[in-house]
Each structure stands twice: as C-alpha cells, then as structure tokens.
Amino acid sequence: MRNRLLLAIDFINDIVHPDGKLGAKFTPYLQENNVLENATKAIKHAREKNILVAHVKVTFSKTYIECPEWSPIFGSAKKNNALELNTWGTQFHEKIDIKENDHILIKHRISAFYNTDLESVLRANKIEEIIIIGVSTDMTVELTSREAHDRDYKVTVLKDACGSHASDTHNASLANISRVGMVKTVQEWINS
C-alpha cells in the first residue's frame, strides 16, 4: 500500500522557464535557489521509495472561458495569452521528469484541490501524507497545504523545491505552512 503522494505543482514553462509568459517574475528566484534541480531530486527519491507522484498544472482553454477576468491573479493570463492549454507554455519544464504512470491533474484555480480529481486519487490510493513541491509558495503551495490539512492529510512541504517571486513572500508562506504541516529541505526529507 502506498500511503504517500508527492504533489508537484505548476512546474510549467509559462511559470518556471525564463522564456515563459510569466517566467520573468519567477525564474530569478528559481535559478538562484536551484528549485528545479531540488524538485527533480525529490521526484527521483519519491520514485525510489515507491511514493505515488502527481503533477498539477494551471491551464485555461483557448477561449479562457474558465478564467475570471476580474481576478488580479488570473485576469492577466487572458490578457497575455498565458497558461493556454496544449501550448508550449503549459507543458512541464524539461527538467521535470514525467513518467507514464505519474498522475497529471489540470486546475483552473490556485488550489490543487479545487475542481480537480486530486481528492479521488488520494482516497483511491489510501494516501495519508502529501509531500508538496511547486511554484508559487505563497499561492498554490500554501493554499493546497492548508486544504490538505483540513481534509486530514499529513502535509510536508519541501521548501527548497518550492519557489516564489521573492524570498520574503516565500519565507512568510513557509512560516504559515509550518502551522499546518512539516517544512523540510529535500535532503532532510530524504534522510527522514
């Protein structure tokens, strides 16, 4: 029985690649802190330990019908033609190793739980603990951590495999997350 799941959030080109439509905001922090390399290390370890791996990405259809234009966070996606499904921008970054048996989830909001099949996957596989990595720490990682906690899952966030646009927002979110779960480095998690 696999009772843990590693959830990798929004490691897509538009967000984490320097040429992505939103990449300029995030890539300086991600590169300076080796976030993609640390995420890859965490995914590799999860597979070695037979931990289920799931990837989630935020996307919108070509018409952006799911995208609330009034939203400060999502309104700019339509304006900039960012996060469009089935484009290079919503493909996973080449450093993120996707395997055939990994579960891929599509989301249209900040949380990895909202209107996705994540909860069904967790229940069907009797998951008790979710290990979270992703971008951005202050949005999707923090909200997904809180929601996982409130659904009675043990939460572990790997802080050096997460990133934001700035260290202060990243660190403030990690402080919040530590109130609902464990915050570790990838190496600390591997050693535990």
N, C-alpha and C. Protein backbone atom coordinates (compact mmCIF):
# COMPACT_ATOMS: atom_id res chain seq x y z
N MET A 1 0.85 -1.19 0.00
CA MET A 1 0.00 0.00 0.00
C MET A 1 0.89 1.25 0.00
N ARG A 2 0.62 2.14 -0.92
CA ARG A 2 1.32 3.42 -0.95
C ARG A 2 0.49 4.42 -0.17
N ASN A 3 1.02 4.96 0.89
CA ASN A 3 0.24 5.91 1.66
C ASN A 3 0.77 7.33 1.59
N ARG A 4 1.71 7.57 0.68
CA ARG A 4 2.23 8.92 0.49
C ARG A 4 2.15 9.29 -0.99
N LEU A 5 1.97 10.58 -1.23
CA LEU A 5 1.94 11.09 -2.59
C LEU A 5 2.78 12.35 -2.65
N LEU A 6 3.64 12.43 -3.64
CA LEU A 6 4.40 13.66 -3.91
C LEU A 6 3.61 14.45 -4.94
N LEU A 7 3.24 15.67 -4.59
CA LEU A 7 2.47 16.53 -5.47
C LEU A 7 3.35 17.67 -5.97
N ALA A 8 3.62 17.68 -7.27
CA ALA A 8 4.44 18.72 -7.90
C ALA A 8 3.51 19.70 -8.60
N ILE A 9 3.56 20.96 -8.19
CA ILE A 9 2.57 21.95 -8.63
C ILE A 9 3.19 23.01 -9.55
N ASP A 10 2.60 23.14 -10.72
CA ASP A 10 2.84 24.24 -11.66
C ASP A 10 4.28 24.41 -12.14
N PHE A 11 4.96 23.30 -12.34
CA PHE A 11 6.30 23.37 -12.95
C PHE A 11 6.16 23.39 -14.47
N ILE A 12 5.43 24.38 -14.96
CA ILE A 12 5.17 24.51 -16.40
C ILE A 12 5.97 25.68 -16.97
N ASN A 13 6.20 25.61 -18.27
CA ASN A 13 7.06 26.59 -18.93
C ASN A 13 6.64 28.04 -18.73
N ASP A 14 5.36 28.34 -18.85
CA ASP A 14 4.93 29.73 -18.70
C ASP A 14 5.29 30.31 -17.33
N ILE A 15 5.45 29.45 -16.34
CA ILE A 15 5.74 29.91 -14.98
C ILE A 15 7.21 29.78 -14.61
N VAL A 16 7.85 28.67 -14.97
CA VAL A 16 9.21 28.42 -14.46
C VAL A 16 10.32 28.52 -15.50
N HIS A 17 9.99 28.71 -16.75
CA HIS A 17 11.02 28.84 -17.79
C HIS A 17 11.29 30.32 -18.04
N PRO A 18 12.55 30.71 -18.24
CA PRO A 18 12.86 32.12 -18.49
C PRO A 18 12.09 32.70 -19.68
N ASP A 19 11.76 31.88 -20.67
CA ASP A 19 11.01 32.36 -21.84
C ASP A 19 9.51 32.25 -21.67
N GLY A 20 9.05 31.75 -20.52
CA GLY A 20 7.62 31.63 -20.26
C GLY A 20 6.98 33.00 -20.10
N LYS A 21 5.70 33.07 -20.38
CA LYS A 21 5.00 34.36 -20.34
C LYS A 21 4.95 34.96 -18.94
N LEU A 22 5.09 34.14 -17.92
CA LEU A 22 5.15 34.63 -16.54
C LEU A 22 6.52 34.34 -15.91
N GLY A 23 7.39 33.75 -16.68
CA GLY A 23 8.68 33.28 -16.18
C GLY A 23 9.59 34.37 -15.64
N ALA A 24 9.54 35.55 -16.21
CA ALA A 24 10.42 36.63 -15.75
C ALA A 24 10.19 36.96 -14.28
N LYS A 25 8.96 36.74 -13.82
CA LYS A 25 8.63 37.02 -12.43
C LYS A 25 9.26 36.00 -11.48
N PHE A 26 9.32 34.74 -11.92
CA PHE A 26 9.73 33.66 -11.02
C PHE A 26 11.15 33.14 -11.23
N THR A 27 11.64 33.14 -12.48
CA THR A 27 12.90 32.44 -12.76
C THR A 27 14.11 32.98 -12.01
N PRO A 28 14.23 34.27 -11.71
CA PRO A 28 15.42 34.67 -10.95
C PRO A 28 15.51 33.94 -9.60
N TYR A 29 14.40 33.88 -8.86
CA TYR A 29 14.40 33.18 -7.58
C TYR A 29 14.64 31.68 -7.79
N LEU A 30 13.96 31.10 -8.76
CA LEU A 30 14.06 29.65 -9.00
C LEU A 30 15.49 29.25 -9.36
N GLN A 31 16.14 30.04 -10.21
CA GLN A 31 17.50 29.73 -10.62
C GLN A 31 18.49 29.94 -9.48
N GLU A 32 18.34 31.04 -8.77
CA GLU A 32 19.25 31.36 -7.67
C GLU A 32 19.19 30.30 -6.56
N ASN A 33 18.04 29.68 -6.39
CA ASN A 33 17.84 28.72 -5.30
C ASN A 33 17.74 27.27 -5.77
N ASN A 34 18.07 27.01 -7.04
CA ASN A 34 18.10 25.64 -7.58
C ASN A 34 16.79 24.88 -7.37
N VAL A 35 15.68 25.57 -7.50
CA VAL A 35 14.38 24.97 -7.20
C VAL A 35 14.07 23.81 -8.14
N LEU A 36 14.32 23.97 -9.44
CA LEU A 36 14.01 22.88 -10.38
C LEU A 36 14.89 21.66 -10.12
N GLU A 37 16.15 21.89 -9.81
CA GLU A 37 17.05 20.78 -9.51
C GLU A 37 16.61 20.05 -8.23
N ASN A 38 16.20 20.82 -7.23
CA ASN A 38 15.72 20.22 -5.98
C ASN A 38 14.41 19.47 -6.19
N ALA A 39 13.55 20.01 -7.04
CA ALA A 39 12.29 19.32 -7.36
C ALA A 39 12.57 17.99 -8.04
N THR A 40 13.51 18.01 -8.98
CA THR A 40 13.89 16.78 -9.68
C THR A 40 14.44 15.74 -8.70
N LYS A 41 15.24 16.19 -7.75
CA LYS A 41 15.80 15.29 -6.73
C LYS A 41 14.68 14.68 -5.88
N ALA A 42 13.70 15.49 -5.51
CA ALA A 42 12.57 15.00 -4.71
C ALA A 42 11.74 13.98 -5.48
N ILE A 43 11.48 14.26 -6.75
CA ILE A 43 10.70 13.33 -7.58
C ILE A 43 11.45 12.01 -7.73
N LYS A 44 12.74 12.09 -7.96
CA LYS A 44 13.54 10.86 -8.10
C LYS A 44 13.49 10.03 -6.82
N HIS A 45 13.63 10.67 -5.69
CA HIS A 45 13.58 9.96 -4.41
C HIS A 45 12.20 9.33 -4.19
N ALA A 46 11.16 10.07 -4.52
CA ALA A 46 9.80 9.52 -4.36
C ALA A 46 9.65 8.23 -5.16
N ARG A 47 10.13 8.24 -6.37
CA ARG A 47 10.03 7.03 -7.20
C ARG A 47 10.83 5.88 -6.61
N GLU A 48 12.02 6.19 -6.11
CA GLU A 48 12.86 5.15 -5.49
C GLU A 48 12.18 4.52 -4.28
N LYS A 49 11.36 5.29 -3.59
CA LYS A 49 10.66 4.81 -2.39
C LYS A 49 9.23 4.36 -2.70
N ASN A 50 8.91 4.24 -3.98
CA ASN A 50 7.58 3.80 -4.41
C ASN A 50 6.46 4.71 -3.90
N ILE A 51 6.75 6.00 -3.86
CA ILE A 51 5.76 7.00 -3.48
C ILE A 51 5.07 7.47 -4.75
N LEU A 52 3.77 7.49 -4.74
CA LEU A 52 2.99 7.94 -5.89
C LEU A 52 3.37 9.38 -6.22
N VAL A 53 3.50 9.69 -7.52
CA VAL A 53 3.85 11.05 -7.96
C VAL A 53 2.71 11.60 -8.81
N ALA A 54 2.30 12.82 -8.49
CA ALA A 54 1.28 13.50 -9.28
C ALA A 54 1.77 14.91 -9.60
N HIS A 55 1.43 15.36 -10.80
CA HIS A 55 1.79 16.70 -11.25
C HIS A 55 0.50 17.45 -11.55
N VAL A 56 0.45 18.68 -11.14
CA VAL A 56 -0.72 19.51 -11.43
C VAL A 56 -0.25 20.77 -12.13
N LYS A 57 -1.07 21.22 -13.09
CA LYS A 57 -0.73 22.45 -13.79
C LYS A 57 -1.97 23.30 -13.99
N VAL A 58 -1.78 24.60 -13.88
CA VAL A 58 -2.86 25.54 -14.11
C VAL A 58 -2.93 25.85 -15.60
N THR A 59 -4.12 25.71 -16.17
CA THR A 59 -4.30 25.98 -17.60
C THR A 59 -5.69 26.53 -17.85
N PHE A 60 -5.83 27.15 -19.00
CA PHE A 60 -7.13 27.62 -19.47
C PHE A 60 -7.28 27.25 -20.94
N SER A 61 -8.52 27.06 -21.35
CA SER A 61 -8.78 26.75 -22.76
C SER A 61 -8.45 27.97 -23.63
N LYS A 62 -8.44 27.76 -24.92
CA LYS A 62 -8.10 28.83 -25.88
C LYS A 62 -9.00 30.06 -25.72
N THR A 63 -10.25 29.83 -25.34
CA THR A 63 -11.20 30.94 -25.17
C THR A 63 -11.12 31.58 -23.79
N TYR A 64 -10.40 30.95 -22.88
CA TYR A 64 -10.27 31.41 -21.49
C TYR A 64 -11.62 31.51 -20.79
N ILE A 65 -12.55 30.67 -21.18
CA ILE A 65 -13.89 30.71 -20.59
C ILE A 65 -13.88 30.42 -19.09
N GLU A 66 -12.88 29.66 -18.61
CA GLU A 66 -12.79 29.33 -17.18
C GLU A 66 -12.08 30.42 -16.37
N CYS A 67 -11.59 31.42 -17.05
CA CYS A 67 -10.72 32.42 -16.43
C CYS A 67 -11.50 33.67 -16.03
N PRO A 68 -11.58 33.97 -14.73
CA PRO A 68 -12.28 35.19 -14.30
C PRO A 68 -11.43 36.43 -14.61
N GLU A 69 -11.89 37.23 -15.55
CA GLU A 69 -11.11 38.40 -15.97
C GLU A 69 -10.89 39.41 -14.85
N TRP A 70 -11.80 39.45 -13.89
CA TRP A 70 -11.68 40.39 -12.78
C TRP A 70 -10.61 39.99 -11.78
N SER A 71 -10.16 38.74 -11.84
CA SER A 71 -9.20 38.23 -10.86
C SER A 71 -7.82 38.86 -11.06
N PRO A 72 -7.25 39.44 -10.00
CA PRO A 72 -5.91 40.00 -10.13
C PRO A 72 -4.87 38.98 -10.57
N ILE A 73 -5.03 37.73 -10.16
CA ILE A 73 -4.03 36.72 -10.49
C ILE A 73 -4.28 36.07 -11.84
N PHE A 74 -5.55 35.84 -12.20
CA PHE A 74 -5.84 35.14 -13.44
C PHE A 74 -6.22 36.07 -14.60
N GLY A 75 -6.67 37.27 -14.31
CA GLY A 75 -7.07 38.19 -15.36
C GLY A 75 -5.96 38.48 -16.35
N SER A 76 -4.74 38.53 -15.85
CA SER A 76 -3.61 38.81 -16.74
C SER A 76 -3.27 37.62 -17.64
N ALA A 77 -3.71 36.43 -17.27
CA ALA A 77 -3.43 35.25 -18.12
C ALA A 77 -4.07 35.44 -19.49
N LYS A 78 -5.33 35.82 -19.51
CA LYS A 78 -6.03 36.03 -20.79
C LYS A 78 -5.41 37.20 -21.55
N LYS A 79 -5.16 38.27 -20.84
CA LYS A 79 -4.59 39.47 -21.46
C LYS A 79 -3.25 39.17 -22.13
N ASN A 80 -2.46 38.28 -21.53
CA ASN A 80 -1.13 37.95 -22.05
C ASN A 80 -1.07 36.63 -22.80
N ASN A 81 -2.24 36.02 -23.04
CA ASN A 81 -2.30 34.70 -23.69
C ASN A 81 -1.39 33.69 -22.99
N ALA A 82 -1.39 33.75 -21.68
CA ALA A 82 -0.57 32.83 -20.87
C ALA A 82 -1.42 31.67 -20.38
N LEU A 83 -0.76 30.58 -20.04
CA LEU A 83 -1.39 29.41 -19.43
C LEU A 83 -2.45 28.77 -20.31
N GLU A 84 -2.28 28.89 -21.62
CA GLU A 84 -3.25 28.29 -22.56
C GLU A 84 -2.96 26.80 -22.73
N LEU A 85 -3.99 26.00 -22.52
CA LEU A 85 -3.88 24.54 -22.61
C LEU A 85 -3.34 24.12 -23.97
N ASN A 86 -2.54 23.07 -23.97
CA ASN A 86 -1.97 22.48 -25.18
C ASN A 86 -1.02 23.40 -25.94
N THR A 87 -0.34 24.27 -25.21
CA THR A 87 0.71 25.11 -25.81
C THR A 87 2.03 24.80 -25.09
N TRP A 88 3.12 25.29 -25.65
CA TRP A 88 4.42 25.12 -25.01
C TRP A 88 4.38 25.64 -23.57
N GLY A 89 3.68 26.72 -23.35
CA GLY A 89 3.62 27.35 -22.03
C GLY A 89 3.06 26.47 -20.94
N THR A 90 2.16 25.55 -21.30
CA THR A 90 1.58 24.67 -20.27
C THR A 90 2.16 23.26 -20.30
N GLN A 91 3.22 23.09 -21.05
CA GLN A 91 3.97 21.83 -20.96
C GLN A 91 4.86 21.89 -19.73
N PHE A 92 5.12 20.74 -19.13
CA PHE A 92 6.01 20.71 -17.98
C PHE A 92 7.43 21.03 -18.42
N HIS A 93 8.15 21.75 -17.58
CA HIS A 93 9.53 22.12 -17.85
C HIS A 93 10.34 20.85 -18.11
N GLU A 94 11.30 20.95 -19.02
CA GLU A 94 12.07 19.78 -19.43
C GLU A 94 12.86 19.14 -18.29
N LYS A 95 13.17 19.88 -17.24
CA LYS A 95 13.90 19.30 -16.10
C LYS A 95 13.00 18.44 -15.21
N ILE A 96 11.71 18.61 -15.34
CA ILE A 96 10.77 17.84 -14.52
C ILE A 96 10.47 16.54 -15.24
N ASP A 97 10.90 15.45 -14.66
CA ASP A 97 10.79 14.13 -15.27
C ASP A 97 9.39 13.56 -15.06
N ILE A 98 8.64 13.49 -16.14
CA ILE A 98 7.28 12.94 -16.10
C ILE A 98 7.35 11.50 -16.59
N LYS A 99 6.80 10.59 -15.81
CA LYS A 99 6.74 9.18 -16.20
C LYS A 99 5.31 8.82 -16.57
N GLU A 100 5.19 7.74 -17.34
CA GLU A 100 3.88 7.31 -17.84
C GLU A 100 2.88 7.04 -16.71
N ASN A 101 3.35 6.52 -15.59
CA ASN A 101 2.42 6.20 -14.50
C ASN A 101 2.22 7.35 -13.50
N ASP A 102 2.81 8.52 -13.76
CA ASP A 102 2.52 9.70 -12.94
C ASP A 102 1.10 10.17 -13.26
N HIS A 103 0.44 10.69 -12.27
CA HIS A 103 -0.91 11.22 -12.49
C HIS A 103 -0.80 12.71 -12.81
N ILE A 104 -1.48 13.15 -13.87
CA ILE A 104 -1.47 14.56 -14.28
C ILE A 104 -2.84 15.16 -13.99
N LEU A 105 -2.85 16.28 -13.29
CA LEU A 105 -4.09 16.98 -12.98
C LEU A 105 -4.07 18.36 -13.63
N ILE A 106 -5.24 18.79 -14.06
CA ILE A 106 -5.41 20.13 -14.62
C ILE A 106 -6.24 20.94 -13.63
N LYS A 107 -5.80 22.15 -13.36
CA LYS A 107 -6.58 23.03 -12.49
C LYS A 107 -6.78 24.38 -13.17
N HIS A 108 -7.84 25.07 -12.74
CA HIS A 108 -8.14 26.39 -13.28
C HIS A 108 -8.11 27.46 -12.19
N ARG A 109 -7.70 27.06 -11.00
CA ARG A 109 -7.65 27.98 -9.87
C ARG A 109 -6.35 27.77 -9.11
N ILE A 110 -6.20 28.45 -7.99
CA ILE A 110 -4.96 28.39 -7.23
C ILE A 110 -4.76 27.02 -6.58
N SER A 111 -5.78 26.50 -5.94
CA SER A 111 -5.66 25.25 -5.20
C SER A 111 -5.60 24.03 -6.11
N ALA A 112 -4.77 23.07 -5.74
CA ALA A 112 -4.71 21.81 -6.48
C ALA A 112 -5.94 20.94 -6.20
N PHE A 113 -6.72 21.29 -5.19
CA PHE A 113 -7.93 20.54 -4.87
C PHE A 113 -9.16 21.03 -5.63
N TYR A 114 -9.25 22.33 -5.89
CA TYR A 114 -10.49 22.91 -6.41
C TYR A 114 -10.82 22.39 -7.81
N ASN A 115 -11.94 21.69 -7.91
CA ASN A 115 -12.45 21.15 -9.19
C ASN A 115 -11.44 20.28 -9.94
N THR A 116 -10.63 19.53 -9.20
CA THR A 116 -9.73 18.54 -9.81
C THR A 116 -10.08 17.17 -9.25
N ASP A 117 -9.44 16.14 -9.77
CA ASP A 117 -9.69 14.80 -9.24
C ASP A 117 -8.65 14.40 -8.18
N LEU A 118 -7.94 15.37 -7.62
CA LEU A 118 -6.92 15.07 -6.63
C LEU A 118 -7.48 14.29 -5.45
N GLU A 119 -8.59 14.72 -4.91
CA GLU A 119 -9.17 14.03 -3.75
C GLU A 119 -9.51 12.58 -4.08
N SER A 120 -10.03 12.33 -5.26
CA SER A 120 -10.35 10.95 -5.67
C SER A 120 -9.09 10.10 -5.74
N VAL A 121 -8.02 10.65 -6.29
CA VAL A 121 -6.74 9.94 -6.39
C VAL A 121 -6.21 9.62 -4.99
N LEU A 122 -6.29 10.58 -4.10
CA LEU A 122 -5.80 10.38 -2.73
C LEU A 122 -6.58 9.28 -2.02
N ARG A 123 -7.89 9.33 -2.14
CA ARG A 123 -8.73 8.33 -1.45
C ARG A 123 -8.57 6.94 -2.08
N ALA A 124 -8.56 6.88 -3.39
CA ALA A 124 -8.44 5.58 -4.07
C ALA A 124 -7.12 4.89 -3.73
N ASN A 125 -6.09 5.67 -3.47
CA ASN A 125 -4.77 5.11 -3.15
C ASN A 125 -4.46 5.13 -1.65
N LYS A 126 -5.49 5.42 -0.85
CA LYS A 126 -5.35 5.41 0.62
C LYS A 126 -4.17 6.27 1.10
N ILE A 127 -4.03 7.43 0.48
CA ILE A 127 -2.94 8.34 0.82
C ILE A 127 -3.21 8.97 2.18
N GLU A 128 -2.18 9.02 3.00
CA GLU A 128 -2.26 9.64 4.33
C GLU A 128 -1.41 10.90 4.42
N GLU A 129 -0.36 10.97 3.61
CA GLU A 129 0.55 12.12 3.64
C GLU A 129 0.79 12.64 2.24
N ILE A 130 0.74 13.97 2.11
CA ILE A 130 1.04 14.63 0.85
C ILE A 130 2.33 15.42 1.02
N ILE A 131 3.29 15.16 0.15
CA ILE A 131 4.54 15.90 0.12
C ILE A 131 4.41 16.88 -1.04
N ILE A 132 4.54 18.17 -0.76
CA ILE A 132 4.24 19.19 -1.76
C ILE A 132 5.51 19.94 -2.17
N ILE A 133 5.65 20.10 -3.49
CA ILE A 133 6.69 20.94 -4.08
C ILE A 133 6.01 21.78 -5.15
N GLY A 134 6.53 22.97 -5.45
CA GLY A 134 5.91 23.73 -6.52
C GLY A 134 6.12 25.22 -6.46
N VAL A 135 5.45 25.87 -7.39
CA VAL A 135 5.51 27.31 -7.58
C VAL A 135 4.07 27.81 -7.75
N SER A 136 3.68 28.79 -7.05
CA SER A 136 4.48 29.57 -6.13
C SER A 136 4.12 29.24 -4.68
N THR A 137 5.13 29.39 -3.85
CA THR A 137 4.97 29.04 -2.44
C THR A 137 3.83 29.82 -1.80
N ASP A 138 3.75 31.12 -2.12
CA ASP A 138 2.79 32.00 -1.46
C ASP A 138 1.37 31.89 -2.02
N MET A 139 1.18 31.14 -3.06
CA MET A 139 -0.16 30.96 -3.61
C MET A 139 -0.55 29.49 -3.55
N THR A 140 -0.22 28.75 -4.58
CA THR A 140 -0.74 27.38 -4.70
C THR A 140 -0.18 26.42 -3.65
N VAL A 141 1.09 26.55 -3.30
CA VAL A 141 1.66 25.63 -2.30
C VAL A 141 1.02 25.87 -0.94
N GLU A 142 0.91 27.13 -0.54
CA GLU A 142 0.31 27.42 0.76
C GLU A 142 -1.17 27.03 0.80
N LEU A 143 -1.93 27.41 -0.21
CA LEU A 143 -3.37 27.09 -0.20
C LEU A 143 -3.60 25.58 -0.26
N THR A 144 -2.88 24.88 -1.10
CA THR A 144 -3.03 23.43 -1.19
C THR A 144 -2.64 22.77 0.13
N SER A 145 -1.62 23.27 0.79
CA SER A 145 -1.21 22.74 2.10
C SER A 145 -2.32 22.90 3.13
N ARG A 146 -2.90 24.08 3.16
CA ARG A 146 -3.99 24.33 4.12
C ARG A 146 -5.18 23.42 3.84
N GLU A 147 -5.53 23.29 2.56
CA GLU A 147 -6.68 22.45 2.21
C GLU A 147 -6.40 20.98 2.49
N ALA A 148 -5.18 20.54 2.26
CA ALA A 148 -4.82 19.15 2.57
C ALA A 148 -4.95 18.91 4.07
N HIS A 149 -4.45 19.83 4.86
CA HIS A 149 -4.56 19.73 6.31
C HIS A 149 -6.02 19.62 6.74
N ASP A 150 -6.87 20.47 6.19
CA ASP A 150 -8.28 20.48 6.57
C ASP A 150 -9.04 19.25 6.07
N ARG A 151 -8.43 18.50 5.17
CA ARG A 151 -9.00 17.23 4.72
C ARG A 151 -8.36 16.05 5.47
N ASP A 152 -7.62 16.36 6.51
CA ASP A 152 -7.00 15.37 7.39
C ASP A 152 -5.84 14.60 6.78
N TYR A 153 -5.13 15.23 5.85
CA TYR A 153 -3.90 14.64 5.33
C TYR A 153 -2.72 15.25 6.08
N LYS A 154 -1.72 14.43 6.34
CA LYS A 154 -0.45 14.94 6.87
C LYS A 154 0.23 15.68 5.73
N VAL A 155 0.77 16.85 6.02
CA VAL A 155 1.37 17.71 5.00
C VAL A 155 2.86 17.89 5.28
N THR A 156 3.66 17.68 4.24
CA THR A 156 5.09 18.01 4.29
C THR A 156 5.40 18.85 3.05
N VAL A 157 5.97 20.01 3.26
CA VAL A 157 6.37 20.88 2.16
C VAL A 157 7.89 20.92 2.11
N LEU A 158 8.43 20.67 0.93
CA LEU A 158 9.88 20.68 0.73
C LEU A 158 10.29 22.08 0.27
N LYS A 159 10.76 22.87 1.21
CA LYS A 159 10.94 24.30 0.99
C LYS A 159 11.92 24.67 -0.11
N ASP A 160 12.94 23.87 -0.33
CA ASP A 160 13.91 24.21 -1.37
C ASP A 160 13.51 23.66 -2.74
N ALA A 161 12.35 23.01 -2.80
CA ALA A 161 11.77 22.58 -4.08
C ALA A 161 10.50 23.37 -4.36
N CYS A 162 10.38 24.51 -3.68
CA CYS A 162 9.28 25.45 -3.89
C CYS A 162 9.90 26.82 -4.17
N GLY A 163 9.14 27.67 -4.80
CA GLY A 163 9.66 29.00 -5.08
C GLY A 163 8.58 30.02 -5.27
N SER A 164 8.99 31.26 -5.19
CA SER A 164 8.09 32.38 -5.35
C SER A 164 8.82 33.45 -6.15
N HIS A 165 8.25 34.63 -6.20
CA HIS A 165 8.91 35.72 -6.91
C HIS A 165 9.93 36.44 -6.03
N ALA A 166 9.87 36.19 -4.71
CA ALA A 166 10.81 36.85 -3.80
C ALA A 166 10.98 36.02 -2.53
N SER A 167 12.13 36.14 -1.93
CA SER A 167 12.44 35.38 -0.71
C SER A 167 11.51 35.71 0.44
N ASP A 168 11.14 37.00 0.58
CA ASP A 168 10.31 37.36 1.73
C ASP A 168 8.93 36.72 1.66
N THR A 169 8.31 36.68 0.48
CA THR A 169 7.00 36.04 0.37
C THR A 169 7.12 34.53 0.53
N HIS A 170 8.18 33.95 -0.02
CA HIS A 170 8.43 32.52 0.12
C HIS A 170 8.55 32.15 1.60
N ASN A 171 9.38 32.89 2.32
CA ASN A 171 9.62 32.59 3.73
C ASN A 171 8.39 32.84 4.60
N ALA A 172 7.64 33.89 4.30
CA ALA A 172 6.42 34.16 5.07
C ALA A 172 5.42 33.03 4.89
N SER A 173 5.30 32.52 3.68
CA SER A 173 4.39 31.40 3.43
C SER A 173 4.85 30.13 4.13
N LEU A 174 6.15 29.88 4.12
CA LEU A 174 6.66 28.71 4.83
C LEU A 174 6.35 28.78 6.32
N ALA A 175 6.41 29.99 6.89
CA ALA A 175 6.05 30.16 8.30
C ALA A 175 4.58 29.81 8.52
N ASN A 176 3.72 30.25 7.60
CA ASN A 176 2.30 29.90 7.69
C ASN A 176 2.09 28.40 7.54
N ILE A 177 2.75 27.81 6.57
CA ILE A 177 2.60 26.37 6.30
C ILE A 177 3.04 25.56 7.51
N SER A 178 4.06 26.02 8.22
CA SER A 178 4.56 25.26 9.37
C SER A 178 3.51 25.13 10.47
N ARG A 179 2.44 25.90 10.38
CA ARG A 179 1.35 25.80 11.36
C ARG A 179 0.37 24.68 10.99
N VAL A 180 0.44 24.18 9.75
CA VAL A 180 -0.46 23.09 9.33
C VAL A 180 0.29 21.85 8.88
N GLY A 181 1.61 21.91 8.86
CA GLY A 181 2.38 20.76 8.40
C GLY A 181 3.86 20.92 8.68
N MET A 182 4.62 19.97 8.18
CA MET A 182 6.07 19.99 8.33
C MET A 182 6.69 20.74 7.15
N VAL A 183 7.75 21.47 7.42
CA VAL A 183 8.52 22.15 6.38
C VAL A 183 9.95 21.62 6.49
N LYS A 184 10.43 21.03 5.39
CA LYS A 184 11.77 20.43 5.38
C LYS A 184 12.47 20.78 4.07
N THR A 185 13.78 20.59 4.05
CA THR A 185 14.51 20.63 2.79
C THR A 185 14.34 19.26 2.13
N VAL A 186 14.67 19.19 0.86
CA VAL A 186 14.61 17.90 0.17
C VAL A 186 15.53 16.90 0.86
N GLN A 187 16.74 17.33 1.20
CA GLN A 187 17.69 16.41 1.83
C GLN A 187 17.20 15.94 3.20
N GLU A 188 16.61 16.83 3.97
CA GLU A 188 16.05 16.43 5.27
C GLU A 188 14.95 15.38 5.08
N TRP A 189 14.13 15.56 4.05
CA TRP A 189 13.07 14.60 3.76
C TRP A 189 13.66 13.25 3.35
N ILE A 190 14.66 13.29 2.49
CA ILE A 190 15.31 12.05 2.05
C ILE A 190 15.91 11.31 3.24
N ASN A 191 16.52 12.06 4.15
CA ASN A 191 17.17 11.45 5.31
C ASN A 191 16.20 10.97 6.39
N SER A 192 14.95 11.39 6.31
CA SER A 192 13.99 11.03 7.37
C SER A 192 13.36 9.67 7.17
